[in-house]
Amino acid sequence: MKKMKVVIVGMGRMGQTRYEAMKRHGGYEILAICDCDKDSLASYPEAGYADWKVCIDENRPEGVVVCTINEVIPEVVCYALEQGMAVFSEKPPGKTLEDALRMQRVQAQTGSLLKFGFNHRVHHSVIEAKALIESGILGHVVCVRGVYGKAGSRNFEKEWRNNPALSGGGILLDQGIHMIDLICYLTGSDLHVRSSHVDNLVWKEMETEDSALAIMETDKGQLVSFHSSAVQWKHKFDMDIICTNGYIALNGLLTSTHSYGTESITYYKKDLEMETGRLGKPREYTMCFDEDFSWDIEMREFYDAVVCGKEITNGRPEDAVRVMRIIRQIYEWGKR
């Protein structure tokens, strides 16, 4: 296996997660790691840097894995692309739509490869849902309902993610972005916001939102309702996909906290003839999953694109721009 030489910029929780996934893959040679917090570098054998530009310039890697705070992402990504390096960047793609557009523009100008991390697309339940929709067994999608919520921490309002100067937004940008991307991915369509409420329901003095609720419509006329929340005291990930001939339910999500419940997909075929004997209670087919390989799948796709010349299918620059445009619409509607 050809080794791909990379550096990691940002060694917080996500940098550590990507580091471990690359080590499991076996095709990465991690030349150096970088973080402004020296303590986060202490337990790793690789060379450590406090300055990301020095880290990139001194090591001249083939690829740069960017796991910094939102404010810094565009600077690191664009610099690495301009040096002719492939880039894998965590979501969100910066603080604003303009950040995402800037990175897309630089990628197009340089021709360097750019992939963003949207690991929810490659959770097993989502992979199964995508295959089921594309099979046509349940007809076509007409409606989607999604809820993605967590409990904000004890010092939630003091976290960097709720400092708009560093993050650009609150729970919608931090967590809700995943579900918006999933809805676009599963419907194969763009979303247009018809109304939204962006609120501080509990953390009244916080500068960013703790709740964002939106009603949207796809290019195909499919209706979508969506709620991203930091006041969901019992962690919750639910998505209902209503089709012309059936219904798909995604419930739970495997994460490092194991707080969202068992990850599962259940689907039902329309049964107006009451073959089960009861209207509204069709046969159900359920699959549950107890392992999450999403981080490994993403790092494999990045490696295959850079080393083997394969096409990026998830987390493309256009995907990032699309989801940031939808988020901007939700924020703008919420201010009316």
C-alpha atoms as a PDB file:
ATOM      1  CA  MET A   1       0.000   0.000   0.000  1.00  0.00           C
ATOM      2  CA  LYS A   2       1.438   3.349  -1.039  1.00  0.00           C
ATOM      3  CA  LYS A   3       1.848   5.675   1.903  1.00  0.00           C
ATOM      4  CA  MET A   4       0.187   9.084   1.706  1.00  0.00           C
ATOM      5  CA  LYS A   5       2.111  11.737   3.632  1.00  0.00           C
ATOM      6  CA  VAL A   6      -0.151  14.027   5.682  1.00  0.00           C
ATOM      7  CA  VAL A   7      -0.181  16.497   8.546  1.00  0.00           C
ATOM      8  CA  ILE A   8      -3.083  17.133  10.907  1.00  0.00           C
ATOM      9  CA  VAL A   9      -3.922  20.711  11.890  1.00  0.00           C
ATOM     10  CA  GLY A  10      -5.995  20.744  15.083  1.00  0.00           C
ATOM     11  CA  MET A  11      -5.680  17.937  17.627  1.00  0.00           C
ATOM     12  CA  GLY A  12      -8.859  18.357  19.631  1.00  0.00           C
ATOM     13  CA  ARG A  13     -11.482  15.607  19.730  1.00  0.00           C
ATOM     14  CA  MET A  14     -11.945  15.501  15.962  1.00  0.00           C
ATOM     15  CA  GLY A  15      -8.236  15.633  15.213  1.00  0.00           C
ATOM     16  CA  GLN A  16      -7.741  12.667  17.527  1.00  0.00           C
ATOM     17  CA  THR A  17     -10.631  10.812  15.852  1.00  0.00           C
ATOM     18  CA  ARG A  18      -9.164  11.361  12.382  1.00  0.00           C
ATOM     19  CA  TYR A  19      -5.680  10.390  13.618  1.00  0.00           C
ATOM     20  CA  GLU A  20      -6.975   7.048  14.910  1.00  0.00           C
ATOM     21  CA  ALA A  21      -8.927   6.378  11.686  1.00  0.00           C
ATOM     22  CA  MET A  22      -5.836   7.036   9.567  1.00  0.00           C
ATOM     23  CA  LYS A  23      -3.763   4.716  11.736  1.00  0.00           C
ATOM     24  CA  ARG A  24      -6.377   1.969  11.303  1.00  0.00           C
ATOM     25  CA  HIS A  25      -6.366   2.491   7.548  1.00  0.00           C
ATOM     26  CA  GLY A  26      -2.657   1.870   7.259  1.00  0.00           C
ATOM     27  CA  GLY A  27      -2.099   3.914   4.120  1.00  0.00           C
ATOM     28  CA  TYR A  28      -1.297   7.195   5.832  1.00  0.00           C
ATOM     29  CA  GLU A  29       2.091   8.394   7.017  1.00  0.00           C
ATOM     30  CA  ILE A  30       1.392  11.158   9.537  1.00  0.00           C
ATOM     31  CA  LEU A  31       4.433  13.437   9.347  1.00  0.00           C
ATOM     32  CA  ALA A  32       3.381  15.966  11.966  1.00  0.00           C
ATOM     33  CA  ILE A  33       0.513  17.260  14.072  1.00  0.00           C
ATOM     34  CA  CYS A  34      -0.330  20.824  15.024  1.00  0.00           C
ATOM     35  CA  ASP A  35      -2.296  22.518  17.784  1.00  0.00           C
ATOM     36  CA  CYS A  36      -1.985  25.753  19.757  1.00  0.00           C
ATOM     37  CA  ASP A  37      -2.482  23.694  22.937  1.00  0.00           C
ATOM     38  CA  LYS A  38       0.851  21.949  23.517  1.00  0.00           C
ATOM     39  CA  ASP A  39      -0.712  19.530  25.991  1.00  0.00           C
ATOM     40  CA  SER A  40      -2.825  17.994  23.230  1.00  0.00           C
ATOM     41  CA  LEU A  41       0.372  17.026  21.361  1.00  0.00           C
ATOM     42  CA  ALA A  42       2.294  15.529  24.252  1.00  0.00           C
ATOM     43  CA  SER A  43       1.153  11.905  23.949  1.00  0.00           C
ATOM     44  CA  TYR A  44       1.884  11.518  20.210  1.00  0.00           C
ATOM     45  CA  PRO A  45       5.186  10.393  18.673  1.00  0.00           C
ATOM     46  CA  GLU A  46       4.885  12.662  15.624  1.00  0.00           C
ATOM     47  CA  ALA A  47       6.564  16.063  15.444  1.00  0.00           C
ATOM     48  CA  GLY A  48       4.388  18.731  17.059  1.00  0.00           C
ATOM     49  CA  TYR A  49       3.832  22.312  15.963  1.00  0.00           C
ATOM     50  CA  ALA A  50       2.004  25.319  17.384  1.00  0.00           C
ATOM     51  CA  ASP A  51       1.918  27.222  14.066  1.00  0.00           C
ATOM     52  CA  TRP A  52      -0.060  25.539  11.262  1.00  0.00           C
ATOM     53  CA  LYS A  53       1.711  27.370   8.446  1.00  0.00           C
ATOM     54  CA  VAL A  54       5.145  26.351   9.733  1.00  0.00           C
ATOM     55  CA  CYS A  55       3.867  22.784  10.083  1.00  0.00           C
ATOM     56  CA  ILE A  56       2.750  22.699   6.436  1.00  0.00           C
ATOM     57  CA  ASP A  57       5.804  24.520   5.049  1.00  0.00           C
ATOM     58  CA  GLU A  58       8.408  22.419   6.853  1.00  0.00           C
ATOM     59  CA  ASN A  59       6.797  19.049   6.069  1.00  0.00           C
ATOM     60  CA  ARG A  60       5.421  19.641   2.554  1.00  0.00           C
ATOM     61  CA  PRO A  61       2.841  16.837   2.816  1.00  0.00           C
ATOM     62  CA  GLU A  62       0.661  15.437   0.053  1.00  0.00           C
ATOM     63  CA  GLY A  63      -2.417  16.039   2.171  1.00  0.00           C
ATOM     64  CA  VAL A  64      -3.558  18.264   5.031  1.00  0.00           C
ATOM     65  CA  VAL A  65      -6.284  17.173   7.446  1.00  0.00           C
ATOM     66  CA  VAL A  66      -7.939  20.251   8.965  1.00  0.00           C
ATOM     67  CA  CYS A  67      -9.682  19.856  12.333  1.00  0.00           C
ATOM     68  CA  THR A  68      -9.543  23.396  13.691  1.00  0.00           C
ATOM     69  CA  ILE A  69     -12.233  25.740  14.983  1.00  0.00           C
ATOM     70  CA  ASN A  70     -14.546  27.176  12.319  1.00  0.00           C
ATOM     71  CA  GLU A  71     -12.867  30.576  12.176  1.00  0.00           C
ATOM     72  CA  VAL A  72      -9.510  29.108  11.125  1.00  0.00           C
ATOM     73  CA  ILE A  73     -10.723  26.494   8.626  1.00  0.00           C
ATOM     74  CA  PRO A  74     -10.835  28.692   5.469  1.00  0.00           C
ATOM     75  CA  GLU A  75      -7.319  30.065   5.996  1.00  0.00           C
ATOM     76  CA  VAL A  76      -5.721  26.654   6.438  1.00  0.00           C
ATOM     77  CA  VAL A  77      -7.734  25.023   3.648  1.00  0.00           C
ATOM     78  CA  CYS A  78      -7.029  27.728   1.069  1.00  0.00           C
ATOM     79  CA  TYR A  79      -3.329  27.915   1.928  1.00  0.00           C
ATOM     80  CA  ALA A  80      -2.896  24.152   1.580  1.00  0.00           C
ATOM     81  CA  LEU A  81      -4.841  24.074  -1.712  1.00  0.00           C
ATOM     82  CA  GLU A  82      -2.683  26.867  -3.082  1.00  0.00           C
ATOM     83  CA  GLN A  83       0.402  24.803  -2.220  1.00  0.00           C
ATOM     84  CA  GLY A  84      -0.959  22.014  -4.426  1.00  0.00           C
ATOM     85  CA  MET A  85      -1.916  19.788  -1.495  1.00  0.00           C
ATOM     86  CA  ALA A  86      -5.066  17.704  -1.124  1.00  0.00           C
ATOM     87  CA  VAL A  87      -7.226  18.751   1.806  1.00  0.00           C
ATOM     88  CA  PHE A  88      -9.664  16.961   4.074  1.00  0.00           C
ATOM     89  CA  SER A  89     -11.529  19.413   6.294  1.00  0.00           C
ATOM     90  CA  GLU A  90     -13.977  18.975   9.120  1.00  0.00           C
ATOM     91  CA  LYS A  91     -17.403  20.541   8.919  1.00  0.00           C
ATOM     92  CA  PRO A  92     -18.731  23.142   9.037  1.00  0.00           C
ATOM     93  CA  PRO A  93     -16.986  24.636   6.009  1.00  0.00           C
ATOM     94  CA  GLY A  94     -16.070  27.808   7.872  1.00  0.00           C
ATOM     95  CA  LYS A  95     -18.326  30.284   9.657  1.00  0.00           C
ATOM     96  CA  THR A  96     -20.337  31.546   6.704  1.00  0.00           C
ATOM     97  CA  LEU A  97     -21.517  30.862   3.179  1.00  0.00           C
ATOM     98  CA  GLU A  98     -18.811  33.242   1.960  1.00  0.00           C
ATOM     99  CA  ASP A  99     -16.175  31.016   3.594  1.00  0.00           C
ATOM    100  CA  ALA A 100     -17.528  27.965   1.781  1.00  0.00           C
ATOM    101  CA  LEU A 101     -17.658  29.834  -1.540  1.00  0.00           C
ATOM    102  CA  ARG A 102     -14.087  31.029  -1.057  1.00  0.00           C
ATOM    103  CA  MET A 103     -12.796  27.484  -0.513  1.00  0.00           C
ATOM    104  CA  GLN A 104     -14.784  26.214  -3.483  1.00  0.00           C
ATOM    105  CA  ARG A 105     -13.331  28.971  -5.665  1.00  0.00           C
ATOM    106  CA  VAL A 106      -9.729  28.273  -4.606  1.00  0.00           C
ATOM    107  CA  GLN A 107     -10.232  24.544  -5.173  1.00  0.00           C
ATOM    108  CA  ALA A 108     -11.511  25.211  -8.690  1.00  0.00           C
ATOM    109  CA  GLN A 109      -8.627  27.587  -9.460  1.00  0.00           C
ATOM    110  CA  THR A 110      -5.894  25.268  -8.179  1.00  0.00           C
ATOM    111  CA  GLY A 111      -7.369  21.921  -9.181  1.00  0.00           C
ATOM    112  CA  SER A 112      -6.272  20.529  -5.810  1.00  0.00           C
ATOM    113  CA  LEU A 113      -8.543  17.968  -4.200  1.00  0.00           C
ATOM    114  CA  LEU A 114     -10.886  19.086  -1.391  1.00  0.00           C
ATOM    115  CA  LYS A 115     -13.174  16.914   0.701  1.00  0.00           C
ATOM    116  CA  PHE A 116     -15.269  17.925   3.718  1.00  0.00           C
ATOM    117  CA  GLY A 117     -16.156  15.555   6.533  1.00  0.00           C
ATOM    118  CA  PHE A 118     -19.874  14.745   6.646  1.00  0.00           C
ATOM    119  CA  ASN A 119     -19.592  11.347   8.308  1.00  0.00           C
ATOM    120  CA  HIS A 120     -23.336  10.913   8.920  1.00  0.00           C
ATOM    121  CA  ARG A 121     -23.754  10.018   5.226  1.00  0.00           C
ATOM    122  CA  VAL A 122     -21.783   6.832   5.771  1.00  0.00           C
ATOM    123  CA  HIS A 123     -23.450   5.600   8.936  1.00  0.00           C
ATOM    124  CA  HIS A 124     -24.885   2.155   8.211  1.00  0.00           C
ATOM    125  CA  SER A 125     -28.520   3.197   8.684  1.00  0.00           C
ATOM    126  CA  VAL A 126     -28.133   6.040   6.189  1.00  0.00           C
ATOM    127  CA  ILE A 127     -26.382   3.794   3.654  1.00  0.00           C
ATOM    128  CA  GLU A 128     -29.330   1.385   3.886  1.00  0.00           C
ATOM    129  CA  ALA A 129     -31.875   4.211   3.592  1.00  0.00           C
ATOM    130  CA  LYS A 130     -30.179   5.575   0.471  1.00  0.00           C
ATOM    131  CA  ALA A 131     -30.158   2.123  -1.148  1.00  0.00           C
ATOM    132  CA  LEU A 132     -33.810   1.560  -0.231  1.00  0.00           C
ATOM    133  CA  ILE A 133     -34.893   4.895  -1.708  1.00  0.00           C
ATOM    134  CA  GLU A 134     -32.939   4.320  -4.901  1.00  0.00           C
ATOM    135  CA  SER A 135     -34.407   0.816  -5.295  1.00  0.00           C
ATOM    136  CA  GLY A 136     -37.888   2.314  -5.757  1.00  0.00           C
ATOM    137  CA  ILE A 137     -39.480  -0.402  -3.610  1.00  0.00           C
ATOM    138  CA  LEU A 138     -41.326   2.228  -1.572  1.00  0.00           C
ATOM    139  CA  GLY A 139     -42.062   4.589  -4.447  1.00  0.00           C
ATOM    140  CA  HIS A 140     -40.668   8.107  -4.349  1.00  0.00           C
ATOM    141  CA  VAL A 141     -40.110  10.416  -1.379  1.00  0.00           C
ATOM    142  CA  VAL A 142     -42.833  12.986  -0.714  1.00  0.00           C
ATOM    143  CA  CYS A 143     -42.068  14.180   2.822  1.00  0.00           C
ATOM    144  CA  VAL A 144     -39.219  14.172   5.373  1.00  0.00           C
ATOM    145  CA  ARG A 145     -39.359  14.959   9.097  1.00  0.00           C
ATOM    146  CA  GLY A 146     -36.137  15.272  11.091  1.00  0.00           C
ATOM    147  CA  VAL A 147     -35.167  15.944  14.705  1.00  0.00           C
ATOM    148  CA  TYR A 148     -31.563  16.135  15.859  1.00  0.00           C
ATOM    149  CA  GLY A 149     -31.155  17.259  19.428  1.00  0.00           C
ATOM    150  CA  LYS A 150     -28.798  17.104  22.361  1.00  0.00           C
ATOM    151  CA  ALA A 151     -28.513  18.478  25.870  1.00  0.00           C
ATOM    152  CA  GLY A 152     -26.230  21.483  26.137  1.00  0.00           C
ATOM    153  CA  SER A 153     -23.448  21.029  28.671  1.00  0.00           C
ATOM    154  CA  ARG A 154     -23.076  22.627  32.105  1.00  0.00           C
ATOM    155  CA  ASN A 155     -20.960  25.442  30.611  1.00  0.00           C
ATOM    156  CA  PHE A 156     -22.644  25.379  27.236  1.00  0.00           C
ATOM    157  CA  GLU A 157     -22.871  29.137  26.804  1.00  0.00           C
ATOM    158  CA  LYS A 158     -19.101  29.465  27.395  1.00  0.00           C
ATOM    159  CA  GLU A 159     -18.017  26.903  24.808  1.00  0.00           C
ATOM    160  CA  TRP A 160     -16.195  28.244  21.732  1.00  0.00           C
ATOM    161  CA  ARG A 161     -18.974  26.800  19.563  1.00  0.00           C
ATOM    162  CA  ASN A 162     -21.312  29.397  21.036  1.00  0.00           C
ATOM    163  CA  ASN A 163     -18.952  32.309  20.460  1.00  0.00           C
ATOM    164  CA  PRO A 164     -20.122  33.661  17.090  1.00  0.00           C
ATOM    165  CA  ALA A 165     -16.731  35.274  16.431  1.00  0.00           C
ATOM    166  CA  LEU A 166     -15.165  31.795  16.456  1.00  0.00           C
ATOM    167  CA  SER A 167     -18.007  29.573  15.264  1.00  0.00           C
ATOM    168  CA  GLY A 168     -20.361  31.697  13.155  1.00  0.00           C
ATOM    169  CA  GLY A 169     -23.488  30.105  14.629  1.00  0.00           C
ATOM    170  CA  GLY A 170     -24.968  27.854  17.284  1.00  0.00           C
ATOM    171  CA  ILE A 171     -26.535  24.403  17.389  1.00  0.00           C
ATOM    172  CA  LEU A 172     -27.806  24.678  13.807  1.00  0.00           C
ATOM    173  CA  LEU A 173     -24.326  25.173  12.377  1.00  0.00           C
ATOM    174  CA  ASP A 174     -22.627  22.789  14.788  1.00  0.00           C
ATOM    175  CA  GLN A 175     -24.980  19.794  14.712  1.00  0.00           C
ATOM    176  CA  GLY A 176     -28.037  20.538  12.583  1.00  0.00           C
ATOM    177  CA  ILE A 177     -25.805  20.885   9.522  1.00  0.00           C
ATOM    178  CA  HIS A 178     -25.493  17.086   9.448  1.00  0.00           C
ATOM    179  CA  MET A 179     -29.228  16.483   9.149  1.00  0.00           C
ATOM    180  CA  ILE A 180     -29.668  19.177   6.521  1.00  0.00           C
ATOM    181  CA  ASP A 181     -26.936  17.517   4.470  1.00  0.00           C
ATOM    182  CA  LEU A 182     -28.595  14.121   4.957  1.00  0.00           C
ATOM    183  CA  ILE A 183     -31.967  15.393   3.756  1.00  0.00           C
ATOM    184  CA  CYS A 184     -30.380  16.816   0.594  1.00  0.00           C
ATOM    185  CA  TYR A 185     -28.445  13.585   0.101  1.00  0.00           C
ATOM    186  CA  LEU A 186     -31.380  11.226   0.607  1.00  0.00           C
ATOM    187  CA  THR A 187     -33.827  13.241  -1.511  1.00  0.00           C
ATOM    188  CA  GLY A 188     -31.215  14.048  -4.160  1.00  0.00           C
ATOM    189  CA  SER A 189     -32.382  17.630  -4.145  1.00  0.00           C
ATOM    190  CA  ASP A 190     -31.703  21.142  -2.861  1.00  0.00           C
ATOM    191  CA  LEU A 191     -33.776  22.702  -0.067  1.00  0.00           C
ATOM    192  CA  HIS A 192     -35.579  26.033   0.023  1.00  0.00           C
ATOM    193  CA  VAL A 193     -36.662  27.522   3.346  1.00  0.00           C
ATOM    194  CA  ARG A 194     -40.333  28.533   3.631  1.00  0.00           C
ATOM    195  CA  SER A 195     -40.255  29.553   7.311  1.00  0.00           C
ATOM    196  CA  SER A 196     -38.054  29.139  10.361  1.00  0.00           C
ATOM    197  CA  HIS A 197     -37.698  29.963  14.044  1.00  0.00           C
ATOM    198  CA  VAL A 198     -34.186  30.476  15.428  1.00  0.00           C
ATOM    199  CA  ASP A 199     -34.419  30.986  19.180  1.00  0.00           C
ATOM    200  CA  ASN A 200     -32.835  31.008  22.593  1.00  0.00           C
ATOM    201  CA  LEU A 201     -35.394  28.935  24.452  1.00  0.00           C
ATOM    202  CA  VAL A 202     -33.317  28.223  27.555  1.00  0.00           C
ATOM    203  CA  TRP A 203     -29.940  29.965  27.289  1.00  0.00           C
ATOM    204  CA  LYS A 204     -31.457  33.426  27.014  1.00  0.00           C
ATOM    205  CA  GLU A 205     -28.197  35.364  27.294  1.00  0.00           C
ATOM    206  CA  MET A 206     -26.232  33.230  24.866  1.00  0.00           C
ATOM    207  CA  GLU A 207     -25.164  34.947  21.633  1.00  0.00           C
ATOM    208  CA  THR A 208     -25.953  31.908  19.483  1.00  0.00           C
ATOM    209  CA  GLU A 209     -29.173  29.875  19.186  1.00  0.00           C
ATOM    210  CA  ASP A 210     -30.098  26.801  21.214  1.00  0.00           C
ATOM    211  CA  SER A 211     -32.971  25.887  18.858  1.00  0.00           C
ATOM    212  CA  ALA A 212     -33.631  26.126  15.123  1.00  0.00           C
ATOM    213  CA  LEU A 213     -36.835  24.872  13.530  1.00  0.00           C
ATOM    214  CA  ALA A 214     -37.534  25.126   9.806  1.00  0.00           C
ATOM    215  CA  ILE A 215     -40.146  24.217   7.214  1.00  0.00           C
ATOM    216  CA  MET A 216     -38.585  23.647   3.812  1.00  0.00           C
ATOM    217  CA  GLU A 217     -39.324  22.324   0.334  1.00  0.00           C
ATOM    218  CA  THR A 218     -37.066  20.532  -2.126  1.00  0.00           C
ATOM    219  CA  ASP A 219     -36.637  21.306  -5.812  1.00  0.00           C
ATOM    220  CA  LYS A 220     -38.931  18.332  -6.437  1.00  0.00           C
ATOM    221  CA  GLY A 221     -41.735  19.706  -4.248  1.00  0.00           C
ATOM    222  CA  GLN A 222     -41.054  17.341  -1.315  1.00  0.00           C
ATOM    223  CA  LEU A 223     -41.987  18.829   2.062  1.00  0.00           C
ATOM    224  CA  VAL A 224     -39.451  18.914   4.900  1.00  0.00           C
ATOM    225  CA  SER A 225     -39.696  19.778   8.591  1.00  0.00           C
ATOM    226  CA  PHE A 226     -36.549  19.960  10.674  1.00  0.00           C
ATOM    227  CA  HIS A 227     -35.616  20.772  14.271  1.00  0.00           C
ATOM    228  CA  SER A 228     -32.070  21.213  15.567  1.00  0.00           C
ATOM    229  CA  SER A 229     -31.946  21.593  19.331  1.00  0.00           C
ATOM    230  CA  ALA A 230     -29.556  21.928  22.264  1.00  0.00           C
ATOM    231  CA  VAL A 231     -32.486  21.656  24.689  1.00  0.00           C
ATOM    232  CA  GLN A 232     -33.362  18.054  23.856  1.00  0.00           C
ATOM    233  CA  TRP A 233     -32.485  16.803  27.318  1.00  0.00           C
ATOM    234  CA  LYS A 234     -32.608  13.181  26.146  1.00  0.00           C
ATOM    235  CA  HIS A 235     -30.358  13.000  23.079  1.00  0.00           C
ATOM    236  CA  LYS A 236     -32.366  12.252  19.956  1.00  0.00           C
ATOM    237  CA  PHE A 237     -31.778  11.483  16.289  1.00  0.00           C
ATOM    238  CA  ASP A 238     -34.943  10.669  14.334  1.00  0.00           C
ATOM    239  CA  MET A 239     -35.792  10.966  10.656  1.00  0.00           C
ATOM    240  CA  ASP A 240     -39.038   9.877   9.008  1.00  0.00           C
ATOM    241  CA  ILE A 241     -39.007   9.528   5.233  1.00  0.00           C
ATOM    242  CA  ILE A 242     -42.527   9.253   3.808  1.00  0.00           C
ATOM    243  CA  CYS A 243     -42.769   7.674   0.360  1.00  0.00           C
ATOM    244  CA  THR A 244     -45.703   7.049  -1.980  1.00  0.00           C
ATOM    245  CA  ASN A 245     -45.731   3.324  -1.188  1.00  0.00           C
ATOM    246  CA  GLY A 246     -44.181   3.115   2.251  1.00  0.00           C
ATOM    247  CA  TYR A 247     -42.264   4.732   5.044  1.00  0.00           C
ATOM    248  CA  ILE A 248     -38.680   4.689   6.371  1.00  0.00           C
ATOM    249  CA  ALA A 249     -37.776   5.486   9.971  1.00  0.00           C
ATOM    250  CA  LEU A 250     -34.190   6.220  11.028  1.00  0.00           C
ATOM    251  CA  ASN A 251     -33.852   6.142  14.808  1.00  0.00           C
ATOM    252  CA  GLY A 252     -30.805   6.555  16.995  1.00  0.00           C
ATOM    253  CA  LEU A 253     -27.214   7.134  15.992  1.00  0.00           C
ATOM    254  CA  LEU A 254     -23.990   5.457  17.012  1.00  0.00           C
ATOM    255  CA  THR A 255     -21.632   8.080  18.459  1.00  0.00           C
ATOM    256  CA  SER A 256     -18.719   8.065  20.880  1.00  0.00           C
ATOM    257  CA  THR A 257     -21.084   9.049  23.711  1.00  0.00           C
ATOM    258  CA  HIS A 258     -23.557   6.224  22.977  1.00  0.00           C
ATOM    259  CA  SER A 259     -26.266   8.643  24.116  1.00  0.00           C
ATOM    260  CA  TYR A 260     -28.495   8.659  21.015  1.00  0.00           C
ATOM    261  CA  GLY A 261     -29.733   5.109  21.441  1.00  0.00           C
ATOM    262  CA  THR A 262     -29.451   2.101  19.160  1.00  0.00           C
ATOM    263  CA  GLU A 263     -28.916   3.033  15.526  1.00  0.00           C
ATOM    264  CA  SER A 264     -31.608   1.427  13.414  1.00  0.00           C
ATOM    265  CA  ILE A 265     -33.577   1.642  10.204  1.00  0.00           C
ATOM    266  CA  THR A 266     -37.149   0.379   9.949  1.00  0.00           C
ATOM    267  CA  TYR A 267     -39.251   0.400   6.808  1.00  0.00           C
ATOM    268  CA  TYR A 268     -42.883  -0.345   6.143  1.00  0.00           C
ATOM    269  CA  LYS A 269     -44.718  -1.032   2.895  1.00  0.00           C
ATOM    270  CA  LYS A 270     -48.118   0.553   2.333  1.00  0.00           C
ATOM    271  CA  ASP A 271     -50.851  -1.931   3.299  1.00  0.00           C
ATOM    272  CA  LEU A 272     -54.263  -0.486   2.475  1.00  0.00           C
ATOM    273  CA  GLU A 273     -55.624  -4.004   1.892  1.00  0.00           C
ATOM    274  CA  MET A 274     -54.930  -4.834   5.551  1.00  0.00           C
ATOM    275  CA  GLU A 275     -52.920  -7.970   4.847  1.00  0.00           C
ATOM    276  CA  THR A 276     -51.816  -7.899   8.473  1.00  0.00           C
ATOM    277  CA  GLY A 277     -55.428  -7.611   9.586  1.00  0.00           C
ATOM    278  CA  ARG A 278     -55.125  -4.075  10.898  1.00  0.00           C
ATOM    279  CA  LEU A 279     -55.110  -0.823   8.945  1.00  0.00           C
ATOM    280  CA  GLY A 280     -52.156   1.394   9.808  1.00  0.00           C
ATOM    281  CA  LYS A 281     -50.038  -1.447  11.192  1.00  0.00           C
ATOM    282  CA  PRO A 282     -48.159  -2.882   8.207  1.00  0.00           C
ATOM    283  CA  ARG A 283     -45.363  -5.400   8.479  1.00  0.00           C
ATOM    284  CA  GLU A 284     -42.102  -3.820   9.538  1.00  0.00           C
ATOM    285  CA  TYR A 285     -38.552  -4.671   8.607  1.00  0.00           C
ATOM    286  CA  THR A 286     -35.837  -3.487  11.003  1.00  0.00           C
ATOM    287  CA  MET A 287     -32.047  -3.520  10.968  1.00  0.00           C
ATOM    288  CA  CYS A 288     -29.969  -2.450  13.979  1.00  0.00           C
ATOM    289  CA  PHE A 289     -26.273  -1.600  14.027  1.00  0.00           C
ATOM    290  CA  ASP A 290     -23.738  -1.812  16.822  1.00  0.00           C
ATOM    291  CA  GLU A 291     -20.586  -0.541  15.095  1.00  0.00           C
ATOM    292  CA  ASP A 292     -19.726   2.816  13.544  1.00  0.00           C
ATOM    293  CA  PHE A 293     -17.223   2.711  10.692  1.00  0.00           C
ATOM    294  CA  SER A 294     -18.083   6.162   9.337  1.00  0.00           C
ATOM    295  CA  TRP A 295     -14.723   7.726  10.274  1.00  0.00           C
ATOM    296  CA  ASP A 296     -12.852   4.877   8.582  1.00  0.00           C
ATOM    297  CA  ILE A 297     -14.998   5.084   5.446  1.00  0.00           C
ATOM    298  CA  GLU A 298     -14.349   8.811   5.091  1.00  0.00           C
ATOM    299  CA  MET A 299     -10.581   8.503   5.479  1.00  0.00           C
ATOM    300  CA  ARG A 300     -10.603   5.612   3.012  1.00  0.00           C
ATOM    301  CA  GLU A 301     -12.461   7.735   0.452  1.00  0.00           C
ATOM    302  CA  PHE A 302      -9.958  10.572   0.883  1.00  0.00           C
ATOM    303  CA  TYR A 303      -7.010   8.181   0.453  1.00  0.00           C
ATOM    304  CA  ASP A 304      -8.565   6.515  -2.592  1.00  0.00           C
ATOM    305  CA  ALA A 305      -9.203   9.897  -4.221  1.00  0.00           C
ATOM    306  CA  VAL A 306      -5.641  11.148  -3.691  1.00  0.00           C
ATOM    307  CA  VAL A 307      -3.657   7.943  -4.225  1.00  0.00           C
ATOM    308  CA  CYS A 308      -5.896   5.970  -6.600  1.00  0.00           C
ATOM    309  CA  GLY A 309      -7.523   8.834  -8.485  1.00  0.00           C
ATOM    310  CA  LYS A 310     -11.065   7.856  -7.542  1.00  0.00           C
ATOM    311  CA  GLU A 311     -13.873  10.408  -7.565  1.00  0.00           C
ATOM    312  CA  ILE A 312     -15.035  12.091  -4.356  1.00  0.00           C
ATOM    313  CA  THR A 313     -18.735  11.318  -3.885  1.00  0.00           C
ATOM    314  CA  ASN A 314     -19.369  12.660  -0.360  1.00  0.00           C
ATOM    315  CA  GLY A 315     -18.384  16.013   1.106  1.00  0.00           C
ATOM    316  CA  ARG A 316     -17.615  17.744  -2.182  1.00  0.00           C
ATOM    317  CA  PRO A 317     -17.159  21.543  -2.223  1.00  0.00           C
ATOM    318  CA  GLU A 318     -20.571  21.922  -3.894  1.00  0.00           C
ATOM    319  CA  ASP A 319     -22.150  19.908  -1.056  1.00  0.00           C
ATOM    320  CA  ALA A 320     -20.569  22.276   1.457  1.00  0.00           C
ATOM    321  CA  VAL A 321     -21.763  25.392  -0.378  1.00  0.00           C
ATOM    322  CA  ARG A 322     -25.288  24.006  -0.686  1.00  0.00           C
ATOM    323  CA  VAL A 323     -25.677  23.234   3.004  1.00  0.00           C
ATOM    324  CA  MET A 324     -24.230  26.606   4.041  1.00  0.00           C
ATOM    325  CA  ARG A 325     -26.649  28.393   1.715  1.00  0.00           C
ATOM    326  CA  ILE A 326     -29.581  26.563   3.342  1.00  0.00           C
ATOM    327  CA  ILE A 327     -28.298  27.425   6.823  1.00  0.00           C
ATOM    328  CA  ARG A 328     -28.042  31.081   5.858  1.00  0.00           C
ATOM    329  CA  GLN A 329     -31.671  30.975   4.682  1.00  0.00           C
ATOM    330  CA  ILE A 330     -32.766  29.446   7.999  1.00  0.00           C
ATOM    331  CA  TYR A 331     -30.936  32.165   9.941  1.00  0.00           C
ATOM    332  CA  GLU A 332     -32.352  34.936   7.746  1.00  0.00           C
ATOM    333  CA  TRP A 333     -35.926  33.646   7.998  1.00  0.00           C
ATOM    334  CA  GLY A 334     -35.512  33.284  11.764  1.00  0.00           C
ATOM    335  CA  LYS A 335     -34.735  36.992  12.116  1.00  0.00           C
ATOM    336  CA  ARG A 336     -37.990  38.119  10.465  1.00  0.00           C
END
